[in-house]
Amino acid sequence: MDRMNVSRSLHSLEKKNFVIRQTDELDAKRSLWKLTPAGREVYDAIFPEAYERDRRMTAAFTERELADLNRALSKAMDALD
């Protein structure tokens, strides 16, 4: 995920009150993002299902195949930058 997509996603989550932004006390140029109670509720509701789906999907591949797939996907994403 590139920097612009992450930024857009965070701002969208902020508008929905799922995350809040705080300025880093040690580095004012840096933002720290935290889940709000509403964001935690959504996370807790979807994480187990997402984790299980990911586990089932990746179980179909060998470690070598997963490494090859990750390299191929990274190469595709780099081409979009």
C-alpha atoms as a PDB file:
ATOM      1  CA  MET A   1       0.000   0.000   0.000  1.00  0.00           C
ATOM      2  CA  ASP A   2       1.476   3.336  -0.930  1.00  0.00           C
ATOM      3  CA  ARG A   3       1.611   6.410   1.291  1.00  0.00           C
ATOM      4  CA  MET A   4      -1.298   8.169  -0.459  1.00  0.00           C
ATOM      5  CA  ASN A   5      -3.621   5.159  -0.130  1.00  0.00           C
ATOM      6  CA  VAL A   6      -2.771   4.801   3.563  1.00  0.00           C
ATOM      7  CA  SER A   7      -3.426   8.504   4.116  1.00  0.00           C
ATOM      8  CA  ARG A   8      -6.764   8.357   2.284  1.00  0.00           C
ATOM      9  CA  SER A   9      -7.814   5.265   4.218  1.00  0.00           C
ATOM     10  CA  LEU A  10      -6.926   6.806   7.567  1.00  0.00           C
ATOM     11  CA  HIS A  11      -8.827   9.996   6.805  1.00  0.00           C
ATOM     12  CA  SER A  12     -11.858   7.974   5.756  1.00  0.00           C
ATOM     13  CA  LEU A  13     -11.707   5.991   9.020  1.00  0.00           C
ATOM     14  CA  GLU A  14     -11.301   9.250  10.948  1.00  0.00           C
ATOM     15  CA  LYS A  15     -14.444  10.717   9.364  1.00  0.00           C
ATOM     16  CA  LYS A  16     -16.348   7.587  10.409  1.00  0.00           C
ATOM     17  CA  ASN A  17     -15.027   8.003  13.980  1.00  0.00           C
ATOM     18  CA  PHE A  18     -13.158   4.680  13.873  1.00  0.00           C
ATOM     19  CA  VAL A  19      -9.723   6.231  14.510  1.00  0.00           C
ATOM     20  CA  ILE A  20      -8.309   9.391  16.041  1.00  0.00           C
ATOM     21  CA  ARG A  21      -5.079  11.157  15.179  1.00  0.00           C
ATOM     22  CA  GLN A  22      -2.699  12.431  17.813  1.00  0.00           C
ATOM     23  CA  THR A  23       0.541  14.335  17.372  1.00  0.00           C
ATOM     24  CA  ASP A  24       3.604  12.437  18.548  1.00  0.00           C
ATOM     25  CA  GLU A  25       4.980  14.222  21.622  1.00  0.00           C
ATOM     26  CA  LEU A  26       8.543  13.340  20.613  1.00  0.00           C
ATOM     27  CA  ASP A  27       8.220  14.283  16.939  1.00  0.00           C
ATOM     28  CA  ALA A  28       5.620  16.923  16.063  1.00  0.00           C
ATOM     29  CA  LYS A  29       5.851  15.991  12.343  1.00  0.00           C
ATOM     30  CA  ARG A  30       4.609  12.508  13.142  1.00  0.00           C
ATOM     31  CA  SER A  31       1.005  11.442  13.705  1.00  0.00           C
ATOM     32  CA  LEU A  32      -0.081   8.556  15.886  1.00  0.00           C
ATOM     33  CA  TRP A  33      -3.360   6.846  15.044  1.00  0.00           C
ATOM     34  CA  LYS A  34      -5.513   4.991  17.570  1.00  0.00           C
ATOM     35  CA  LEU A  35      -8.740   3.062  17.331  1.00  0.00           C
ATOM     36  CA  THR A  36     -11.739   4.689  18.959  1.00  0.00           C
ATOM     37  CA  PRO A  37     -14.154   2.491  20.938  1.00  0.00           C
ATOM     38  CA  ALA A  38     -16.310   2.291  17.774  1.00  0.00           C
ATOM     39  CA  GLY A  39     -13.254   1.306  15.734  1.00  0.00           C
ATOM     40  CA  ARG A  40     -12.309  -1.370  18.269  1.00  0.00           C
ATOM     41  CA  GLU A  41     -15.840  -2.755  18.126  1.00  0.00           C
ATOM     42  CA  VAL A  42     -15.675  -3.100  14.332  1.00  0.00           C
ATOM     43  CA  TYR A  43     -12.179  -4.595  14.505  1.00  0.00           C
ATOM     44  CA  ASP A  44     -13.227  -7.128  17.123  1.00  0.00           C
ATOM     45  CA  ALA A  45     -16.258  -8.087  15.033  1.00  0.00           C
ATOM     46  CA  ILE A  46     -14.409  -8.658  11.750  1.00  0.00           C
ATOM     47  CA  PHE A  47     -10.915  -9.799  12.769  1.00  0.00           C
ATOM     48  CA  PRO A  48     -11.680 -13.449  13.627  1.00  0.00           C
ATOM     49  CA  GLU A  49     -13.456 -14.029  10.313  1.00  0.00           C
ATOM     50  CA  ALA A  50     -10.779 -12.194   8.311  1.00  0.00           C
ATOM     51  CA  TYR A  51      -8.017 -14.132  10.087  1.00  0.00           C
ATOM     52  CA  GLU A  52      -9.710 -17.469   9.425  1.00  0.00           C
ATOM     53  CA  ARG A  53     -10.312 -16.597   5.771  1.00  0.00           C
ATOM     54  CA  ASP A  54      -6.652 -15.619   5.364  1.00  0.00           C
ATOM     55  CA  ARG A  55      -5.550 -18.838   7.077  1.00  0.00           C
ATOM     56  CA  ARG A  56      -7.697 -20.981   4.770  1.00  0.00           C
ATOM     57  CA  MET A  57      -6.542 -19.142   1.676  1.00  0.00           C
ATOM     58  CA  THR A  58      -2.828 -19.325   2.484  1.00  0.00           C
ATOM     59  CA  ALA A  59      -3.081 -22.987   3.557  1.00  0.00           C
ATOM     60  CA  ALA A  60      -3.589 -23.832  -0.113  1.00  0.00           C
ATOM     61  CA  PHE A  61       0.010 -22.761  -0.894  1.00  0.00           C
ATOM     62  CA  THR A  62       3.449 -23.997   0.032  1.00  0.00           C
ATOM     63  CA  GLU A  63       5.832 -21.548   1.702  1.00  0.00           C
ATOM     64  CA  ARG A  64       7.676 -21.210  -1.602  1.00  0.00           C
ATOM     65  CA  GLU A  65       4.452 -20.481  -3.489  1.00  0.00           C
ATOM     66  CA  LEU A  66       3.472 -17.836  -0.926  1.00  0.00           C
ATOM     67  CA  ALA A  67       6.895 -16.192  -1.237  1.00  0.00           C
ATOM     68  CA  ASP A  68       6.559 -16.201  -5.044  1.00  0.00           C
ATOM     69  CA  LEU A  69       3.042 -14.793  -4.815  1.00  0.00           C
ATOM     70  CA  ASN A  70       4.149 -12.017  -2.449  1.00  0.00           C
ATOM     71  CA  ARG A  71       7.013 -11.096  -4.775  1.00  0.00           C
ATOM     72  CA  ALA A  72       4.682 -11.019  -7.788  1.00  0.00           C
ATOM     73  CA  LEU A  73       2.095  -8.885  -5.974  1.00  0.00           C
ATOM     74  CA  SER A  74       4.794  -6.511  -4.718  1.00  0.00           C
ATOM     75  CA  LYS A  75       6.115  -6.153  -8.251  1.00  0.00           C
ATOM     76  CA  ALA A  76       2.592  -5.368  -9.511  1.00  0.00           C
ATOM     77  CA  MET A  77       2.074  -2.779  -6.773  1.00  0.00           C
ATOM     78  CA  ASP A  78       5.455  -1.167  -7.522  1.00  0.00           C
ATOM     79  CA  ALA A  79       4.429  -0.834 -11.148  1.00  0.00           C
ATOM     80  CA  LEU A  80       1.443   1.258 -10.032  1.00  0.00           C
ATOM     81  CA  ASP A  81       3.594   3.751  -8.120  1.00  0.00           C
END
